[in-house]
Amino acid sequence: MEDLGILIADQDTEFLREVADSFTGAGYQVETTDSAVHIICNILKKQIPVVILGSDFDKRINPLQLMQLLKKCNRHLAVILVSDEASLPQVKRISKEKVLYQAFRPLSTA
């Protein structure tokens, strides 16, 4: 299998670990972060094709604004937004930004 890079961004370290372990086990090259600056630098330097973005990973920037910026850095970038909510206005904005997929954050098993 060709190496495929995935960047996972979220504040929740448990979520990062679980998702990273799943993708690593499937053969993907996985990197994790909790910083918008780190995401942008990686997209510009490495041209990572997929970003899994937690909706509240960095309080300094709105996730939709970050997605717009990321798409300007790499128009072929696939973005998966992991969110706790799915209000109609948010879904419409996400569709407009051509986000690949919106997933819901899994419920805690603890």
N, C-alpha and C. Protein backbone atom coordinates (compact mmCIF):
# COMPACT_ATOMS: atom_id res chain seq x y z
N MET A 1 0.85 -1.17 0.00
CA MET A 1 0.00 0.00 0.00
C MET A 1 0.90 1.24 0.00
N GLU A 2 0.54 2.22 -0.81
CA GLU A 2 1.27 3.48 -0.84
C GLU A 2 1.06 4.21 0.48
N ASP A 3 2.13 4.80 1.01
CA ASP A 3 2.01 5.54 2.26
C ASP A 3 1.07 6.72 2.08
N LEU A 4 0.08 6.81 2.93
CA LEU A 4 -0.87 7.90 2.90
C LEU A 4 -0.82 8.60 4.25
N GLY A 5 -0.60 9.89 4.22
CA GLY A 5 -0.49 10.64 5.47
C GLY A 5 -1.82 11.21 5.92
N ILE A 6 -2.02 11.17 7.20
CA ILE A 6 -3.22 11.74 7.82
C ILE A 6 -2.75 12.58 9.00
N LEU A 7 -3.29 13.79 9.09
CA LEU A 7 -3.01 14.66 10.22
C LEU A 7 -4.30 14.77 11.03
N ILE A 8 -4.22 14.45 12.32
CA ILE A 8 -5.38 14.50 13.20
C ILE A 8 -5.18 15.64 14.19
N ALA A 9 -6.15 16.56 14.26
CA ALA A 9 -6.02 17.74 15.11
C ALA A 9 -7.19 17.81 16.09
N ASP A 10 -6.84 17.82 17.39
CA ASP A 10 -7.87 17.92 18.42
C ASP A 10 -7.19 18.23 19.75
N GLN A 11 -7.94 18.75 20.71
CA GLN A 11 -7.43 19.01 22.05
C GLN A 11 -7.50 17.77 22.94
N ASP A 12 -8.39 16.85 22.62
CA ASP A 12 -8.63 15.67 23.44
C ASP A 12 -7.57 14.61 23.14
N THR A 13 -6.61 14.44 24.06
CA THR A 13 -5.51 13.51 23.83
C THR A 13 -5.98 12.06 23.74
N GLU A 14 -7.00 11.71 24.46
CA GLU A 14 -7.53 10.34 24.38
C GLU A 14 -8.12 10.07 23.00
N PHE A 15 -8.88 11.03 22.48
CA PHE A 15 -9.43 10.92 21.13
C PHE A 15 -8.30 10.81 20.11
N LEU A 16 -7.28 11.67 20.24
CA LEU A 16 -6.15 11.62 19.32
C LEU A 16 -5.49 10.25 19.32
N ARG A 17 -5.26 9.72 20.50
CA ARG A 17 -4.60 8.42 20.62
C ARG A 17 -5.42 7.31 19.97
N GLU A 18 -6.72 7.28 20.27
CA GLU A 18 -7.59 6.23 19.73
C GLU A 18 -7.66 6.29 18.21
N VAL A 19 -7.88 7.47 17.67
CA VAL A 19 -8.00 7.61 16.22
C VAL A 19 -6.66 7.33 15.54
N ALA A 20 -5.57 7.85 16.12
CA ALA A 20 -4.24 7.62 15.55
C ALA A 20 -3.91 6.13 15.55
N ASP A 21 -4.21 5.44 16.65
CA ASP A 21 -3.95 4.00 16.71
C ASP A 21 -4.73 3.23 15.64
N SER A 22 -5.97 3.62 15.43
CA SER A 22 -6.80 2.96 14.42
C SER A 22 -6.22 3.12 13.02
N PHE A 23 -5.84 4.34 12.67
CA PHE A 23 -5.31 4.59 11.34
C PHE A 23 -3.90 4.01 11.17
N THR A 24 -3.09 4.07 12.21
CA THR A 24 -1.76 3.48 12.15
C THR A 24 -1.87 1.97 11.93
N GLY A 25 -2.79 1.34 12.64
CA GLY A 25 -3.01 -0.10 12.47
C GLY A 25 -3.47 -0.47 11.07
N ALA A 26 -4.10 0.48 10.39
CA ALA A 26 -4.55 0.24 9.02
C ALA A 26 -3.47 0.57 7.98
N GLY A 27 -2.28 0.97 8.46
CA GLY A 27 -1.18 1.21 7.54
C GLY A 27 -0.95 2.65 7.13
N TYR A 28 -1.62 3.59 7.74
CA TYR A 28 -1.46 4.99 7.40
C TYR A 28 -0.33 5.63 8.22
N GLN A 29 0.30 6.64 7.65
CA GLN A 29 1.26 7.46 8.38
C GLN A 29 0.45 8.54 9.08
N VAL A 30 0.49 8.56 10.41
CA VAL A 30 -0.38 9.45 11.18
C VAL A 30 0.45 10.43 11.99
N GLU A 31 0.01 11.67 11.98
CA GLU A 31 0.60 12.70 12.83
C GLU A 31 -0.54 13.36 13.58
N THR A 32 -0.30 13.76 14.83
CA THR A 32 -1.34 14.41 15.63
C THR A 32 -0.85 15.78 16.09
N THR A 33 -1.81 16.67 16.35
CA THR A 33 -1.49 18.01 16.83
C THR A 33 -2.69 18.62 17.53
N ASP A 34 -2.42 19.69 18.28
CA ASP A 34 -3.50 20.48 18.88
C ASP A 34 -3.32 21.95 18.51
N SER A 35 -2.61 22.22 17.43
CA SER A 35 -2.27 23.59 17.04
C SER A 35 -2.62 23.88 15.59
N ALA A 36 -3.34 24.98 15.37
CA ALA A 36 -3.67 25.41 14.01
C ALA A 36 -2.40 25.74 13.22
N VAL A 37 -1.44 26.36 13.88
CA VAL A 37 -0.18 26.71 13.21
C VAL A 37 0.52 25.45 12.72
N HIS A 38 0.52 24.41 13.54
CA HIS A 38 1.15 23.14 13.16
C HIS A 38 0.46 22.55 11.94
N ILE A 39 -0.86 22.60 11.90
CA ILE A 39 -1.61 22.08 10.75
C ILE A 39 -1.19 22.82 9.49
N ILE A 40 -1.22 24.14 9.53
CA ILE A 40 -0.90 24.94 8.35
C ILE A 40 0.52 24.67 7.87
N CYS A 41 1.46 24.62 8.80
CA CYS A 41 2.86 24.35 8.43
C CYS A 41 2.99 22.98 7.76
N ASN A 42 2.32 21.98 8.31
CA ASN A 42 2.40 20.64 7.72
C ASN A 42 1.75 20.57 6.35
N ILE A 43 0.65 21.24 6.18
CA ILE A 43 -0.01 21.24 4.87
C ILE A 43 0.89 21.92 3.84
N LEU A 44 1.52 23.01 4.22
CA LEU A 44 2.41 23.72 3.29
C LEU A 44 3.69 22.94 2.99
N LYS A 45 4.26 22.30 3.99
CA LYS A 45 5.54 21.60 3.81
C LYS A 45 5.39 20.21 3.21
N LYS A 46 4.46 19.45 3.72
CA LYS A 46 4.39 18.04 3.35
C LYS A 46 3.27 17.71 2.38
N GLN A 47 2.36 18.61 2.19
CA GLN A 47 1.20 18.34 1.34
C GLN A 47 0.44 17.10 1.81
N ILE A 48 0.18 17.04 3.11
CA ILE A 48 -0.62 15.95 3.68
C ILE A 48 -1.99 15.97 3.03
N PRO A 49 -2.45 14.83 2.51
CA PRO A 49 -3.70 14.83 1.75
C PRO A 49 -4.98 14.80 2.58
N VAL A 50 -4.90 14.40 3.87
CA VAL A 50 -6.11 14.27 4.69
C VAL A 50 -5.89 14.88 6.06
N VAL A 51 -6.85 15.72 6.49
CA VAL A 51 -6.84 16.27 7.84
C VAL A 51 -8.15 15.89 8.52
N ILE A 52 -8.03 15.29 9.70
CA ILE A 52 -9.20 15.03 10.53
C ILE A 52 -9.17 16.12 11.61
N LEU A 53 -10.17 16.98 11.57
CA LEU A 53 -10.18 18.19 12.38
C LEU A 53 -11.28 18.14 13.43
N GLY A 54 -10.91 18.19 14.70
CA GLY A 54 -11.88 18.30 15.77
C GLY A 54 -12.47 19.70 15.77
N SER A 55 -13.75 19.84 16.02
CA SER A 55 -14.42 21.13 15.89
C SER A 55 -13.99 22.15 16.93
N ASP A 56 -13.43 21.72 18.05
CA ASP A 56 -13.04 22.69 19.07
C ASP A 56 -11.58 22.51 19.50
N PHE A 57 -10.74 22.10 18.55
CA PHE A 57 -9.37 21.78 18.92
C PHE A 57 -8.54 23.01 19.27
N ASP A 58 -8.82 24.15 18.71
CA ASP A 58 -8.03 25.35 18.97
C ASP A 58 -9.00 26.52 19.09
N LYS A 59 -9.13 27.05 20.29
CA LYS A 59 -10.11 28.11 20.56
C LYS A 59 -9.76 29.44 19.88
N ARG A 60 -8.55 29.56 19.37
CA ARG A 60 -8.12 30.84 18.77
C ARG A 60 -8.64 31.04 17.35
N ILE A 61 -9.12 29.97 16.72
CA ILE A 61 -9.60 30.10 15.34
C ILE A 61 -10.85 29.25 15.15
N ASN A 62 -11.80 29.78 14.43
CA ASN A 62 -13.04 29.10 14.10
C ASN A 62 -12.72 27.96 13.13
N PRO A 63 -13.26 26.75 13.35
CA PRO A 63 -12.95 25.63 12.46
C PRO A 63 -13.30 25.89 11.00
N LEU A 64 -14.40 26.60 10.75
CA LEU A 64 -14.76 26.89 9.36
C LEU A 64 -13.76 27.84 8.71
N GLN A 65 -13.27 28.82 9.47
CA GLN A 65 -12.25 29.72 8.93
C GLN A 65 -10.96 28.96 8.67
N LEU A 66 -10.61 28.04 9.56
CA LEU A 66 -9.42 27.24 9.37
C LEU A 66 -9.56 26.37 8.12
N MET A 67 -10.73 25.78 7.91
CA MET A 67 -10.94 24.96 6.71
C MET A 67 -10.77 25.79 5.45
N GLN A 68 -11.28 27.02 5.45
CA GLN A 68 -11.10 27.90 4.30
C GLN A 68 -9.63 28.15 4.02
N LEU A 69 -8.88 28.42 5.07
CA LEU A 69 -7.45 28.67 4.94
C LEU A 69 -6.72 27.42 4.44
N LEU A 70 -7.05 26.27 4.99
CA LEU A 70 -6.40 25.03 4.57
C LEU A 70 -6.68 24.73 3.10
N LYS A 71 -7.90 24.97 2.66
CA LYS A 71 -8.24 24.74 1.25
C LYS A 71 -7.48 25.70 0.33
N LYS A 72 -7.17 26.90 0.84
CA LYS A 72 -6.35 27.83 0.04
C LYS A 72 -4.91 27.35 -0.05
N CYS A 73 -4.43 26.69 0.99
CA CYS A 73 -3.07 26.14 1.00
C CYS A 73 -2.97 24.93 0.09
N ASN A 74 -4.03 24.13 0.03
CA ASN A 74 -4.03 22.92 -0.79
C ASN A 74 -5.47 22.63 -1.19
N ARG A 75 -5.83 22.97 -2.40
CA ARG A 75 -7.22 22.82 -2.83
C ARG A 75 -7.65 21.36 -2.95
N HIS A 76 -6.69 20.44 -2.98
CA HIS A 76 -7.00 19.01 -3.08
C HIS A 76 -7.09 18.34 -1.71
N LEU A 77 -6.90 19.11 -0.66
CA LEU A 77 -6.92 18.57 0.70
C LEU A 77 -8.30 18.03 1.05
N ALA A 78 -8.32 16.83 1.60
CA ALA A 78 -9.57 16.24 2.11
C ALA A 78 -9.66 16.56 3.60
N VAL A 79 -10.76 17.18 4.01
CA VAL A 79 -10.96 17.55 5.41
C VAL A 79 -12.15 16.77 5.95
N ILE A 80 -11.93 16.13 7.09
CA ILE A 80 -13.00 15.45 7.80
C ILE A 80 -13.19 16.20 9.12
N LEU A 81 -14.36 16.75 9.33
CA LEU A 81 -14.66 17.49 10.56
C LEU A 81 -15.35 16.57 11.55
N VAL A 82 -14.78 16.46 12.75
CA VAL A 82 -15.38 15.66 13.82
C VAL A 82 -16.01 16.65 14.79
N SER A 83 -17.32 16.53 14.98
CA SER A 83 -18.05 17.54 15.74
C SER A 83 -19.04 16.90 16.69
N ASP A 84 -19.44 17.67 17.70
CA ASP A 84 -20.48 17.23 18.62
C ASP A 84 -21.86 17.72 18.19
N GLU A 85 -21.89 18.60 17.22
CA GLU A 85 -23.18 19.17 16.82
C GLU A 85 -23.35 19.12 15.31
N ALA A 86 -24.59 19.22 14.89
CA ALA A 86 -24.88 19.23 13.46
C ALA A 86 -26.10 20.11 13.20
N SER A 87 -26.00 21.38 13.57
CA SER A 87 -27.10 22.28 13.30
C SER A 87 -27.18 22.53 11.80
N LEU A 88 -28.35 22.83 11.31
CA LEU A 88 -28.54 23.04 9.87
C LEU A 88 -27.63 24.14 9.33
N PRO A 89 -27.50 25.29 10.02
CA PRO A 89 -26.59 26.32 9.50
C PRO A 89 -25.13 25.83 9.42
N GLN A 90 -24.71 25.05 10.41
CA GLN A 90 -23.34 24.54 10.38
C GLN A 90 -23.16 23.55 9.22
N VAL A 91 -24.11 22.67 9.01
CA VAL A 91 -24.03 21.70 7.92
C VAL A 91 -23.96 22.42 6.58
N LYS A 92 -24.75 23.47 6.41
CA LYS A 92 -24.73 24.24 5.16
C LYS A 92 -23.37 24.90 4.93
N ARG A 93 -22.81 25.49 5.99
CA ARG A 93 -21.49 26.13 5.86
C ARG A 93 -20.42 25.10 5.54
N ILE A 94 -20.50 23.95 6.17
CA ILE A 94 -19.51 22.90 5.92
C ILE A 94 -19.61 22.42 4.48
N SER A 95 -20.82 22.22 3.99
CA SER A 95 -21.00 21.80 2.59
C SER A 95 -20.42 22.81 1.63
N LYS A 96 -20.62 24.08 1.93
CA LYS A 96 -20.12 25.14 1.07
C LYS A 96 -18.58 25.12 1.00
N GLU A 97 -17.95 24.72 2.08
CA GLU A 97 -16.48 24.68 2.12
C GLU A 97 -15.91 23.39 1.52
N LYS A 98 -16.79 22.55 1.01
CA LYS A 98 -16.38 21.29 0.38
C LYS A 98 -15.59 20.38 1.32
N VAL A 99 -16.09 20.28 2.53
CA VAL A 99 -15.51 19.36 3.50
C VAL A 99 -15.88 17.96 3.05
N LEU A 100 -14.92 17.05 3.11
CA LEU A 100 -15.14 15.69 2.63
C LEU A 100 -16.26 15.00 3.40
N TYR A 101 -16.25 15.17 4.72
CA TYR A 101 -17.19 14.42 5.55
C TYR A 101 -17.29 15.07 6.92
N GLN A 102 -18.46 15.00 7.50
CA GLN A 102 -18.61 15.44 8.89
C GLN A 102 -18.97 14.22 9.71
N ALA A 103 -18.16 13.94 10.72
CA ALA A 103 -18.39 12.80 11.60
C ALA A 103 -18.73 13.31 12.99
N PHE A 104 -19.49 12.53 13.72
CA PHE A 104 -19.81 12.88 15.09
C PHE A 104 -18.80 12.25 16.03
N ARG A 105 -18.42 13.01 17.05
CA ARG A 105 -17.50 12.52 18.06
C ARG A 105 -18.16 11.35 18.78
N PRO A 106 -17.45 10.24 18.94
CA PRO A 106 -18.06 9.09 19.63
C PRO A 106 -18.32 9.39 21.10
N LEU A 107 -19.36 8.77 21.62
CA LEU A 107 -19.67 8.92 23.04
C LEU A 107 -18.61 8.21 23.87
N SER A 108 -18.33 8.75 25.01
CA SER A 108 -17.34 8.16 25.90
C SER A 108 -17.87 6.83 26.43
N THR A 109 -17.00 5.83 26.50
CA THR A 109 -17.40 4.54 27.04
C THR A 109 -17.15 4.45 28.54
N ALA A 110 -16.54 5.48 29.09
CA ALA A 110 -16.22 5.48 30.55
C ALA A 110 -17.41 5.88 31.37
